[in-house]
Each structure stands twice: as structure tokens, then as C-alpha cells.
Amino acid sequence: MSCPNSRRSAVHIPRIRLTRDLAHEEFKDIRGVPLLQEAAIREFETTLDAMIAELHAEEGSPL
């Protein structure tokens, strides 16, 4: 996700969404998880959401 040589386009949106949805499902109940791990999980989901929004904006398509 952070490789400077990576190329992302709207074609990747379904897979990014699937990854985000799977992460959200897996970590929906994070009671007892250390605070730093919780922050990392939330940051991962936020990063995926931002990638999806960015790709939609580039393509001019609605979310």
C-alpha cells in the first residue's frame, strides 16, 4: 500500500473494498486489544477508506 512504485487505479477498488470489509469484520470487536494495536487497526481501515475515496475522485465516479 505504501510502495512508491505501486500503481493503483479504479480497477483495484473492489479488492481494496474487500480488504477493508474483511479487516472491519475481523476487528469489529477489539475489546482487550492494546491501545497501540487498536490505533494501528483503525489507521489501516482509514488508509483503505482514503485510498478508495482517492481512486473514486481520480475517476470522477461516485463512492
Protein backbone atom coordinates (compact mmCIF):
# COMPACT_ATOMS: atom_id res chain seq x y z
CA MET A 1 0.00 0.00 0.00
CA SER A 2 2.86 2.39 0.58
CA CYS A 3 5.36 1.30 -2.06
CA PRO A 4 6.30 4.36 -4.14
CA ASN A 5 6.49 2.15 -7.25
CA SER A 6 2.97 0.81 -6.87
CA ARG A 7 0.24 1.72 -9.31
CA ARG A 8 -3.37 1.92 -8.23
CA SER A 9 -6.40 2.64 -10.34
CA ALA A 10 -10.17 2.28 -10.16
CA VAL A 11 -9.78 -1.32 -11.28
CA HIS A 12 -8.39 -2.06 -7.80
CA ILE A 13 -11.36 -0.60 -5.89
CA PRO A 14 -13.24 -3.91 -5.48
CA ARG A 15 -10.19 -5.62 -3.97
CA ILE A 16 -9.40 -2.67 -1.72
CA ARG A 17 -13.03 -2.62 -0.54
CA LEU A 18 -12.91 -6.36 0.11
CA THR A 19 -9.73 -5.95 2.14
CA ARG A 20 -11.29 -3.11 4.13
CA ASP A 21 -14.51 -5.06 4.73
CA LEU A 22 -12.61 -8.18 5.83
CA ALA A 23 -10.46 -6.14 8.21
CA HIS A 24 -13.53 -4.41 9.62
CA GLU A 25 -15.29 -7.74 10.14
CA GLU A 26 -12.23 -9.36 11.71
CA PHE A 27 -11.60 -6.46 14.07
CA LYS A 28 -15.12 -5.23 14.83
CA ASP A 29 -14.76 -6.33 18.44
CA ILE A 30 -11.35 -5.28 19.68
CA ARG A 31 -12.06 -5.21 23.39
CA GLY A 32 -8.92 -6.04 25.29
CA VAL A 33 -6.60 -5.18 22.39
CA PRO A 34 -3.70 -2.96 23.46
CA LEU A 35 -4.21 0.71 22.56
CA LEU A 36 -1.35 0.82 20.05
CA GLN A 37 -2.71 -2.22 18.22
CA GLU A 38 -6.17 -0.68 18.21
CA ALA A 39 -4.73 2.51 16.73
CA ALA A 40 -2.90 0.51 14.05
CA ILE A 41 -6.06 -1.38 13.11
CA ARG A 42 -8.10 1.82 12.85
CA GLU A 43 -5.35 3.51 10.86
CA PHE A 44 -5.29 0.57 8.43
CA GLU A 45 -9.06 0.85 7.87
CA THR A 46 -8.80 4.63 7.49
CA THR A 47 -5.97 4.26 4.96
CA LEU A 48 -8.05 1.86 2.89
CA ASP A 49 -11.05 4.23 3.02
CA ALA A 50 -8.82 7.09 1.88
CA MET A 51 -7.43 5.02 -1.00
CA ILE A 52 -10.95 4.17 -2.16
CA ALA A 53 -12.05 7.81 -1.97
CA GLU A 54 -8.92 8.96 -3.82
CA LEU A 55 -9.45 6.47 -6.63
CA HIS A 56 -13.10 7.48 -6.97
CA ALA A 57 -12.09 11.16 -7.12
CA GLU A 58 -9.50 10.43 -9.81
CA GLU A 59 -12.06 8.59 -11.89
CA GLY A 60 -14.78 11.16 -11.23
CA SER A 61 -17.13 8.43 -10.08
CA PRO A 62 -19.38 8.45 -7.03
CA LEU A 63 -18.43 6.49 -3.91
